[in-house]
N, C-alpha and C. Protein backbone atom coordinates (compact mmCIF):
# COMPACT_ATOMS: atom_id res chain seq x y z
N UNK A 1 26.86 156.28 123.42
CA UNK A 1 27.39 155.10 124.17
C UNK A 1 28.32 155.89 125.27
N UNK A 2 28.38 157.27 125.36
CA UNK A 2 29.17 157.79 126.43
C UNK A 2 28.80 157.33 127.84
N UNK A 3 27.43 157.13 128.19
CA UNK A 3 27.03 156.62 129.31
C UNK A 3 27.19 155.27 129.45
N UNK A 4 27.70 154.34 128.81
CA UNK A 4 27.94 152.89 128.93
C UNK A 4 29.20 152.86 129.73
N UNK A 5 29.08 151.48 130.55
CA UNK A 5 30.18 151.58 131.30
C UNK A 5 30.81 149.96 130.85
N UNK A 6 29.92 149.23 130.60
CA UNK A 6 30.30 147.75 130.20
C UNK A 6 31.08 147.88 128.92
N UNK A 7 32.28 147.45 128.82
CA UNK A 7 33.17 147.38 127.61
C UNK A 7 32.45 146.33 126.56
N UNK A 8 32.03 145.32 127.14
CA UNK A 8 31.35 144.33 126.18
C UNK A 8 30.33 144.85 125.55
N UNK A 9 29.47 145.63 126.30
CA UNK A 9 28.34 146.27 125.55
C UNK A 9 28.66 147.27 124.45
N UNK A 10 29.66 148.07 124.55
CA UNK A 10 30.10 149.11 123.81
C UNK A 10 30.64 148.22 122.47
N UNK A 11 31.54 147.13 122.67
CA UNK A 11 31.83 146.50 121.62
C UNK A 11 30.86 145.81 120.71
N UNK A 12 29.75 145.40 121.44
CA UNK A 12 28.66 144.83 120.84
C UNK A 12 27.83 145.74 120.02
N UNK A 13 27.59 146.90 120.47
CA UNK A 13 26.89 147.92 119.54
C UNK A 13 27.80 148.36 118.81
N UNK A 14 29.02 148.70 118.82
CA UNK A 14 29.77 149.11 117.63
C UNK A 14 29.98 148.05 116.63
N UNK A 15 29.98 146.46 116.78
CA UNK A 15 30.04 145.46 115.91
C UNK A 15 28.72 145.27 115.15
N UNK A 16 27.73 145.46 115.77
CA UNK A 16 26.35 145.18 115.17
C UNK A 16 25.73 146.37 114.46
N UNK A 17 25.95 147.65 114.90
CA UNK A 17 25.54 148.89 114.18
C UNK A 17 26.41 149.50 113.27
N UNK A 18 27.70 149.69 113.34
CA UNK A 18 28.56 150.28 112.78
C UNK A 18 29.20 149.35 111.95
N UNK A 19 30.27 148.42 112.42
CA UNK A 19 30.85 147.59 111.61
C UNK A 19 30.31 146.89 110.62
N UNK A 20 29.02 146.11 111.20
CA UNK A 20 28.25 145.57 110.08
C UNK A 20 27.89 146.40 108.72
N UNK A 21 28.00 147.61 108.77
CA UNK A 21 27.42 148.42 107.93
C UNK A 21 28.63 148.70 107.03
N UNK A 22 29.97 148.83 107.50
CA UNK A 22 31.10 148.93 106.88
C UNK A 22 31.67 148.02 105.99
N UNK A 23 31.07 146.68 106.68
CA UNK A 23 31.48 145.42 106.03
C UNK A 23 30.42 144.86 104.98
N UNK A 24 29.32 145.63 105.05
CA UNK A 24 28.25 144.61 104.35
C UNK A 24 28.64 144.77 102.58
N UNK A 25 28.45 143.53 102.12
CA UNK A 25 28.77 143.17 100.78
C UNK A 25 30.28 143.74 100.39
N UNK A 26 31.16 143.54 101.37
CA UNK A 26 32.56 144.09 101.01
C UNK A 26 33.15 143.03 100.14
N UNK A 27 32.57 141.78 99.94
CA UNK A 27 33.29 140.98 98.81
C UNK A 27 33.09 141.68 97.45
N UNK A 28 32.27 142.60 97.20
CA UNK A 28 31.99 143.07 95.86
C UNK A 28 32.57 144.33 95.63
N UNK A 29 32.58 145.25 96.89
CA UNK A 29 32.92 146.72 96.61
C UNK A 29 34.09 147.01 97.38
N UNK A 30 34.92 145.90 97.92
CA UNK A 30 36.12 146.35 98.63
C UNK A 30 37.09 147.36 97.94
N UNK A 31 37.44 148.19 98.47
CA UNK A 31 38.17 149.32 97.58
C UNK A 31 39.69 148.94 97.58
N UNK A 32 40.16 149.24 96.33
CA UNK A 32 41.64 149.04 96.22
C UNK A 32 42.45 150.24 96.42
N UNK A 33 41.82 151.30 96.42
CA UNK A 33 42.39 152.78 96.37
C UNK A 33 42.63 152.95 97.76
N UNK A 34 43.69 153.62 98.05
CA UNK A 34 44.15 153.71 99.42
C UNK A 34 43.31 154.76 100.18
N UNK A 35 42.76 155.92 99.48
CA UNK A 35 42.03 156.89 99.87
C UNK A 35 40.60 156.44 100.64
N UNK A 36 40.20 155.52 99.69
CA UNK A 36 38.84 155.00 100.13
C UNK A 36 39.08 153.88 101.30
N UNK A 37 39.95 153.12 101.49
CA UNK A 37 40.21 152.31 102.50
C UNK A 37 40.76 153.20 103.58
N UNK A 38 41.34 154.24 103.45
CA UNK A 38 41.65 155.14 104.75
C UNK A 38 40.34 155.59 105.20
N UNK A 39 39.27 156.11 104.21
CA UNK A 39 38.13 156.65 104.98
C UNK A 39 37.25 155.69 105.83
N UNK A 40 37.46 154.43 105.26
CA UNK A 40 36.55 153.36 106.22
C UNK A 40 37.43 153.00 107.43
N UNK A 41 38.80 153.13 107.39
CA UNK A 41 39.68 152.67 108.70
C UNK A 41 39.47 153.97 109.76
N UNK A 42 39.03 155.13 109.14
CA UNK A 42 38.91 156.51 110.11
C UNK A 42 37.86 156.23 111.04
N UNK A 43 36.91 155.52 110.57
CA UNK A 43 35.55 155.29 111.33
C UNK A 43 35.89 154.27 112.48
N UNK A 44 36.75 153.13 112.21
CA UNK A 44 37.03 152.32 113.33
C UNK A 44 38.00 152.91 114.02
N UNK A 45 39.01 153.71 113.58
CA UNK A 45 39.99 154.50 114.35
C UNK A 45 39.46 155.34 115.58
N UNK A 46 38.41 155.90 115.07
CA UNK A 46 37.84 156.77 116.23
C UNK A 46 37.04 156.03 117.34
N UNK A 47 36.51 154.78 116.77
CA UNK A 47 35.93 153.96 117.88
C UNK A 47 37.00 153.40 118.82
N UNK A 48 38.15 152.84 118.15
CA UNK A 48 39.34 152.48 118.98
C UNK A 48 39.66 153.48 119.90
N UNK A 49 39.72 154.69 119.72
CA UNK A 49 40.27 155.76 120.41
C UNK A 49 39.29 155.96 121.67
N UNK A 50 37.93 156.07 121.33
CA UNK A 50 36.76 156.02 122.28
C UNK A 50 37.09 154.76 123.16
N UNK A 51 37.08 153.72 122.72
CA UNK A 51 37.05 152.38 123.60
C UNK A 51 38.28 152.22 124.29
N UNK A 52 39.54 152.75 124.05
CA UNK A 52 40.67 152.87 124.73
C UNK A 52 40.57 153.85 126.02
N UNK A 53 39.95 155.05 125.60
CA UNK A 53 39.78 155.82 126.70
C UNK A 53 38.59 155.33 127.89
N UNK A 54 37.69 154.62 127.23
CA UNK A 54 36.81 154.12 128.17
C UNK A 54 37.50 152.76 128.91
N UNK A 55 38.28 152.20 128.53
CA UNK A 55 38.68 150.99 129.28
C UNK A 55 40.12 151.52 130.03
N UNK A 56 40.79 152.22 129.61
CA UNK A 56 41.96 152.69 130.21
C UNK A 56 42.00 154.08 130.97
N UNK A 57 41.05 154.76 130.71
CA UNK A 57 40.87 156.10 131.35
C UNK A 57 41.29 157.25 130.90
N UNK A 58 42.39 157.18 129.77
CA UNK A 58 42.75 158.31 129.19
C UNK A 58 42.72 158.14 127.66
N UNK A 59 42.62 159.24 126.92
CA UNK A 59 42.59 159.64 125.65
C UNK A 59 44.02 159.20 124.86
N UNK A 60 44.00 158.32 123.97
CA UNK A 60 45.52 157.99 123.33
C UNK A 60 45.73 158.92 122.29
N UNK A 61 45.97 160.10 122.51
CA UNK A 61 46.22 161.18 121.58
C UNK A 61 47.31 160.55 120.42
N UNK A 62 48.49 160.35 120.83
CA UNK A 62 49.64 159.90 119.94
C UNK A 62 49.90 158.45 119.77
N UNK A 63 48.86 157.80 120.03
CA UNK A 63 49.06 156.41 119.93
C UNK A 63 48.79 155.85 118.29
N UNK A 64 49.71 154.95 117.79
CA UNK A 64 49.30 154.86 116.38
C UNK A 64 48.21 153.63 116.34
N UNK A 65 47.46 153.60 115.45
CA UNK A 65 46.20 152.46 115.08
C UNK A 65 46.74 151.36 115.26
N UNK A 66 47.96 150.77 114.88
CA UNK A 66 48.40 149.58 115.06
C UNK A 66 48.32 149.00 116.53
N UNK A 67 48.93 149.96 117.38
CA UNK A 67 48.95 149.82 118.72
C UNK A 67 47.70 149.51 119.46
N UNK A 68 46.63 150.43 118.84
CA UNK A 68 45.16 150.41 119.52
C UNK A 68 44.65 148.97 118.91
N UNK A 69 44.86 148.54 117.82
CA UNK A 69 44.11 147.30 117.17
C UNK A 69 44.69 146.29 118.11
N UNK A 70 46.01 146.25 118.19
CA UNK A 70 46.68 145.14 119.04
C UNK A 70 46.24 145.11 120.48
N UNK A 71 46.10 146.40 121.27
CA UNK A 71 45.67 146.39 122.46
C UNK A 71 44.23 146.03 122.88
N UNK A 72 43.45 146.35 121.86
CA UNK A 72 42.00 146.24 121.99
C UNK A 72 41.43 144.88 121.18
N UNK A 73 42.48 144.19 120.63
CA UNK A 73 42.26 142.86 119.93
C UNK A 73 41.28 142.99 118.85
N UNK A 74 41.41 143.93 118.02
CA UNK A 74 40.60 144.03 116.82
C UNK A 74 41.75 143.75 115.64
N UNK A 75 40.97 143.63 114.50
CA UNK A 75 41.80 143.66 113.31
C UNK A 75 41.28 144.95 112.27
N UNK A 76 42.23 145.34 111.47
CA UNK A 76 42.06 146.08 110.71
C UNK A 76 40.61 146.04 109.69
N UNK A 77 39.91 146.75 109.21
CA UNK A 77 39.00 146.59 108.23
C UNK A 77 39.38 145.97 107.01
N UNK A 78 40.67 146.57 106.54
CA UNK A 78 41.32 145.86 105.02
C UNK A 78 41.35 144.34 105.55
N UNK A 79 42.04 144.00 106.82
CA UNK A 79 42.41 142.50 106.98
C UNK A 79 41.11 141.70 106.91
N UNK A 80 40.06 142.28 107.74
CA UNK A 80 38.82 141.54 107.55
C UNK A 80 38.08 141.54 106.19
N UNK A 81 38.22 142.43 105.36
CA UNK A 81 37.63 142.49 103.91
C UNK A 81 38.59 141.36 103.26
N UNK A 82 39.88 141.30 103.17
CA UNK A 82 40.49 140.31 102.60
C UNK A 82 40.34 139.05 103.13
N UNK A 83 40.38 138.88 104.31
CA UNK A 83 39.95 137.46 105.09
C UNK A 83 38.69 136.96 104.63
N UNK A 84 37.81 137.83 104.63
CA UNK A 84 36.05 137.27 104.10
C UNK A 84 36.19 136.90 102.58
N UNK A 85 37.12 137.67 101.61
CA UNK A 85 37.23 137.18 100.50
C UNK A 85 37.92 136.09 100.21
N UNK A 86 39.13 135.84 101.14
CA UNK A 86 39.85 134.58 100.87
C UNK A 86 39.02 133.32 101.14
N UNK A 87 38.32 133.47 102.46
CA UNK A 87 37.58 132.34 102.98
C UNK A 87 36.57 132.14 101.97
N UNK A 88 35.86 133.10 101.54
CA UNK A 88 34.57 132.76 100.38
C UNK A 88 35.37 131.99 99.02
N UNK A 89 36.24 132.39 98.71
CA UNK A 89 37.09 131.67 97.51
C UNK A 89 37.51 130.35 98.09
N UNK A 90 38.09 130.03 99.10
CA UNK A 90 38.53 128.84 99.55
C UNK A 90 37.28 127.67 99.42
N UNK A 91 35.96 128.47 100.15
CA UNK A 91 34.72 127.60 100.12
C UNK A 91 34.36 127.21 98.63
N UNK A 92 34.56 128.25 97.79
CA UNK A 92 34.17 127.71 96.26
C UNK A 92 35.21 126.93 95.66
N UNK A 93 36.44 126.96 96.09
CA UNK A 93 37.40 126.03 95.53
C UNK A 93 36.87 124.54 96.04
N UNK A 94 36.81 124.53 97.37
CA UNK A 94 36.43 123.18 98.12
C UNK A 94 35.13 122.58 97.73
N UNK A 95 34.44 123.22 96.79
CA UNK A 95 32.83 123.01 96.25
C UNK A 95 32.08 123.21 97.21
N UNK A 96 32.07 124.05 98.05
CA UNK A 96 30.94 124.30 99.00
C UNK A 96 30.01 125.65 98.55
N UNK A 97 30.22 125.80 97.11
CA UNK A 97 29.18 127.27 96.77
C UNK A 97 28.35 126.57 95.78
N UNK A 98 27.26 127.24 96.02
CA UNK A 98 26.10 126.63 95.17
C UNK A 98 25.88 127.66 93.84
N UNK A 99 26.88 128.49 93.75
CA UNK A 99 26.71 129.49 92.30
C UNK A 99 27.79 128.90 91.33
N UNK A 100 27.14 128.15 90.26
CA UNK A 100 28.02 127.93 89.15
C UNK A 100 28.87 128.97 88.46
N UNK A 101 28.30 130.30 88.32
CA UNK A 101 29.07 131.15 87.84
C UNK A 101 30.27 131.53 88.71
N UNK A 102 30.29 131.72 89.89
CA UNK A 102 31.40 132.02 90.63
C UNK A 102 32.28 130.99 90.59
N UNK A 103 31.92 129.57 90.67
CA UNK A 103 32.64 128.38 90.69
C UNK A 103 33.65 128.29 89.15
N UNK A 104 32.92 128.78 88.27
CA UNK A 104 33.53 128.88 86.88
C UNK A 104 34.82 129.65 86.71
N UNK A 105 34.43 131.04 87.61
CA UNK A 105 35.49 132.03 87.48
C UNK A 105 36.58 131.81 88.64
N UNK A 106 36.34 131.19 89.58
CA UNK A 106 37.45 131.00 90.61
C UNK A 106 38.41 129.45 90.27
N UNK A 107 37.60 128.48 89.94
CA UNK A 107 38.18 127.46 89.87
C UNK A 107 38.81 127.06 88.60
N UNK A 108 39.96 127.80 88.54
CA UNK A 108 40.41 127.45 87.15
C UNK A 108 42.21 127.26 87.77
N UNK A 109 42.40 125.99 87.44
CA UNK A 109 43.85 125.51 87.99
C UNK A 109 44.67 125.69 86.88
N UNK A 110 46.16 126.09 87.11
CA UNK A 110 47.06 126.43 86.14
C UNK A 110 47.85 125.03 86.17
N UNK A 111 48.06 124.76 84.88
CA UNK A 111 48.68 123.47 84.48
C UNK A 111 50.12 123.94 84.20
N UNK A 112 51.18 123.21 84.86
CA UNK A 112 52.57 123.51 84.31
C UNK A 112 53.16 122.82 83.46
N UNK A 113 53.97 123.50 82.80
CA UNK A 113 54.80 122.78 81.75
C UNK A 113 55.69 121.59 82.46
N UNK A 114 55.75 120.48 81.52
CA UNK A 114 56.67 119.46 81.82
C UNK A 114 57.84 119.95 81.75
N UNK A 115 58.74 119.60 82.67
CA UNK A 115 60.25 120.11 82.54
C UNK A 115 60.96 118.76 82.71
N UNK A 116 61.59 118.15 81.81
CA UNK A 116 62.26 116.73 81.85
C UNK A 116 61.48 115.77 82.71
N UNK A 117 60.38 115.66 82.01
CA UNK A 117 59.30 114.58 82.75
C UNK A 117 59.09 114.61 84.10
N UNK A 118 59.24 115.69 84.54
CA UNK A 118 58.68 115.78 85.99
C UNK A 118 58.11 117.04 86.26
N UNK A 119 57.05 117.21 87.24
CA UNK A 119 56.31 118.16 87.42
C UNK A 119 57.19 118.81 88.82
N UNK A 120 57.24 120.17 88.85
CA UNK A 120 57.96 120.72 90.01
C UNK A 120 56.97 121.31 90.60
N UNK A 121 56.57 120.79 91.92
CA UNK A 121 55.47 121.48 92.71
C UNK A 121 55.73 122.66 93.14
N UNK A 122 54.78 123.59 93.46
CA UNK A 122 54.91 125.04 93.98
C UNK A 122 55.84 125.73 93.37
N UNK A 123 56.41 125.46 92.15
CA UNK A 123 57.21 126.46 91.23
C UNK A 123 56.34 127.34 90.43
N UNK A 124 55.16 126.86 90.47
CA UNK A 124 54.14 127.67 89.46
C UNK A 124 53.01 128.10 90.38
N UNK A 125 52.25 129.17 90.13
CA UNK A 125 50.93 129.45 90.74
C UNK A 125 50.05 128.17 90.47
N UNK A 126 49.22 127.89 91.47
CA UNK A 126 48.21 126.71 91.32
C UNK A 126 46.89 127.40 90.69
N UNK A 127 46.67 128.54 90.77
CA UNK A 127 45.27 129.22 90.48
C UNK A 127 45.78 130.17 89.08
N UNK A 128 44.91 129.90 88.06
CA UNK A 128 45.10 130.74 86.98
C UNK A 128 44.52 132.10 87.21
N UNK A 129 45.24 133.22 87.17
CA UNK A 129 44.79 134.41 87.19
C UNK A 129 44.54 135.01 85.89
N UNK A 130 43.31 135.74 85.59
CA UNK A 130 43.01 136.02 84.18
C UNK A 130 43.81 137.42 84.10
N UNK A 131 44.11 137.42 82.74
CA UNK A 131 44.88 138.73 82.33
C UNK A 131 43.76 139.79 82.32
N UNK A 132 44.38 140.90 82.75
CA UNK A 132 43.63 142.01 82.86
C UNK A 132 44.05 143.10 82.13
N UNK A 133 43.05 143.65 81.13
CA UNK A 133 43.27 144.84 80.10
C UNK A 133 43.07 146.25 80.84
N UNK A 134 42.33 146.12 81.94
CA UNK A 134 42.05 147.42 82.38
C UNK A 134 42.45 147.73 83.99
N UNK A 135 42.70 148.73 84.53
CA UNK A 135 43.11 148.94 85.66
C UNK A 135 41.75 148.37 86.64
N UNK A 136 40.62 148.71 86.10
CA UNK A 136 39.52 148.05 87.16
C UNK A 136 39.58 146.75 87.20
N UNK A 137 39.78 146.03 86.19
CA UNK A 137 39.87 144.57 86.09
C UNK A 137 40.88 144.14 86.78
N UNK A 138 42.24 144.79 86.66
CA UNK A 138 43.44 144.19 87.47
C UNK A 138 43.01 144.33 89.11
N UNK A 139 42.17 145.39 89.55
CA UNK A 139 41.90 145.56 90.83
C UNK A 139 40.62 144.83 91.51
N UNK A 140 39.92 144.02 90.32
CA UNK A 140 38.87 143.44 90.68
C UNK A 140 38.84 142.41 91.83
N UNK A 141 38.08 142.28 92.62
CA UNK A 141 37.94 141.25 93.54
C UNK A 141 38.49 139.75 93.07
N UNK A 142 38.00 139.33 91.98
CA UNK A 142 38.31 138.06 91.73
C UNK A 142 39.93 138.06 91.41
N UNK A 143 40.50 138.82 90.70
CA UNK A 143 42.09 138.97 90.38
C UNK A 143 42.62 139.20 91.76
N UNK A 144 42.37 139.97 92.58
CA UNK A 144 42.89 140.28 93.85
C UNK A 144 42.90 138.89 94.68
N UNK A 145 41.95 138.24 94.73
CA UNK A 145 41.77 137.07 95.59
C UNK A 145 42.55 135.88 95.08
N UNK A 146 42.62 135.56 93.75
CA UNK A 146 43.55 134.62 93.10
C UNK A 146 44.83 135.09 93.32
N UNK A 147 45.26 136.14 93.19
CA UNK A 147 46.79 136.50 93.63
C UNK A 147 46.97 136.24 94.95
N UNK A 148 46.19 136.62 95.85
CA UNK A 148 46.37 136.54 97.39
C UNK A 148 46.51 134.91 97.50
N UNK A 149 45.57 134.20 97.04
CA UNK A 149 45.72 132.86 97.08
C UNK A 149 46.91 132.14 96.68
N UNK A 150 47.28 132.61 95.48
CA UNK A 150 48.58 131.99 95.12
C UNK A 150 49.73 132.47 95.93
N UNK A 151 49.73 133.77 96.61
CA UNK A 151 50.82 134.26 97.47
C UNK A 151 50.62 133.40 98.75
N UNK A 152 49.62 133.02 99.18
CA UNK A 152 49.40 132.14 100.25
C UNK A 152 49.98 130.80 100.00
N UNK A 153 49.88 130.17 98.90
CA UNK A 153 50.05 128.88 98.54
C UNK A 153 51.87 128.80 98.30
N UNK A 154 52.27 129.95 97.83
CA UNK A 154 53.76 129.98 97.72
C UNK A 154 54.69 130.13 99.10
N UNK A 155 53.86 131.16 100.02
CA UNK A 155 54.64 131.43 101.37
C UNK A 155 54.39 130.22 102.17
N UNK A 156 53.37 129.43 102.22
CA UNK A 156 53.16 128.45 103.13
C UNK A 156 52.79 127.11 102.23
N UNK A 157 54.03 126.69 101.76
CA UNK A 157 53.77 125.34 101.11
C UNK A 157 53.08 124.12 101.79
N UNK A 158 52.98 124.15 103.23
CA UNK A 158 52.39 123.08 103.93
C UNK A 158 50.76 123.21 103.78
N UNK A 159 50.27 124.44 103.39
CA UNK A 159 48.87 124.75 103.32
C UNK A 159 48.39 124.08 102.14
N UNK A 160 47.43 123.26 102.45
CA UNK A 160 46.45 122.60 101.34
C UNK A 160 45.09 123.15 101.26
N UNK A 161 44.68 123.76 100.51
CA UNK A 161 43.35 124.45 100.57
C UNK A 161 42.23 123.25 100.46
N UNK A 162 42.58 122.35 100.04
CA UNK A 162 41.61 121.12 99.51
C UNK A 162 41.72 120.06 100.62
N UNK A 163 42.68 119.74 101.44
CA UNK A 163 42.73 118.63 102.25
C UNK A 163 42.72 119.21 103.71
N UNK A 164 43.17 120.29 104.04
CA UNK A 164 43.19 120.69 105.56
C UNK A 164 41.86 120.87 105.97
N UNK A 165 41.69 120.64 107.20
CA UNK A 165 40.42 120.94 107.99
C UNK A 165 40.19 122.47 107.75
N UNK A 166 38.83 122.85 107.85
CA UNK A 166 38.32 124.15 107.31
C UNK A 166 38.93 125.21 108.40
N UNK A 167 38.91 124.77 109.80
CA UNK A 167 39.38 125.80 110.60
C UNK A 167 40.89 125.92 110.30
N UNK A 168 41.64 125.18 110.07
CA UNK A 168 43.15 125.32 109.83
C UNK A 168 43.37 126.23 108.47
N UNK A 169 42.49 126.07 107.51
CA UNK A 169 42.47 126.97 106.10
C UNK A 169 42.16 128.29 106.74
N UNK A 170 41.14 128.44 107.55
CA UNK A 170 40.64 129.77 108.10
C UNK A 170 41.94 130.52 108.56
N UNK A 171 42.60 129.78 109.57
CA UNK A 171 43.68 130.16 110.31
C UNK A 171 44.76 130.78 109.39
N UNK A 172 44.98 129.88 108.39
CA UNK A 172 46.30 130.39 107.40
C UNK A 172 45.87 131.67 106.84
N UNK A 173 44.69 131.56 106.37
CA UNK A 173 44.16 132.71 105.53
C UNK A 173 44.18 134.11 106.40
N UNK A 174 43.74 133.95 107.73
CA UNK A 174 44.08 135.19 108.70
C UNK A 174 45.30 135.58 108.80
N UNK A 175 46.18 134.53 109.17
CA UNK A 175 47.58 134.67 109.35
C UNK A 175 48.37 135.49 107.92
N UNK A 176 47.76 134.99 106.76
CA UNK A 176 48.47 135.73 105.71
C UNK A 176 47.87 137.05 105.62
N UNK A 177 46.55 137.21 105.81
CA UNK A 177 46.14 138.75 105.83
C UNK A 177 46.67 139.68 106.80
N UNK A 178 47.02 139.23 107.94
CA UNK A 178 47.62 139.96 108.88
C UNK A 178 49.11 140.33 108.60
N UNK A 179 49.85 139.20 107.92
CA UNK A 179 51.21 139.58 107.50
C UNK A 179 51.02 140.66 106.23
N UNK A 180 50.18 140.56 105.52
CA UNK A 180 49.95 141.41 104.47
C UNK A 180 49.76 142.96 104.93
N UNK A 181 49.04 142.84 106.11
CA UNK A 181 48.64 144.28 106.38
C UNK A 181 49.87 144.95 107.22
N UNK A 182 50.74 144.07 107.77
CA UNK A 182 52.06 144.44 108.39
C UNK A 182 52.94 145.06 107.53
N UNK A 183 52.99 144.66 106.22
CA UNK A 183 53.93 145.24 105.40
C UNK A 183 53.67 146.61 104.73
């Protein structure tokens, strides 16, 4: 792509040939260890520096990756993995999944205790997160996504995964993933 001049063509080649391979089946194998996540981000970081040089004329030696992501309007691969995991789980919760095994694992609602004959909404997690006996199970995609969805619902009480329009649910999930990446 060194000879390419059109920025749109460079982005298109990267997204179709490279990023699609980095993200294929990421719902299943998304790494929870920082080492492996950084190895994946390193590929995108190299591309962002290349694209920045093509677009602005000089190589950004000392610019942080967050700056490059913002300037070039990209999200980190971790944000994209978490977002795709959350949206797939939201589709499952809304009944838009054809796989009964997944529905049975994801759709387990937590029933709160009655306190003085009243339910206290949003004082408890909506989705029941299964107990994990091993580190591998604690970091599995199912446990992570249920924890993320509960955190989303606690941080944004106006978010209703069942009643909101799909585009609004996706927007809330993306905002949440971006906030998680900033911390």
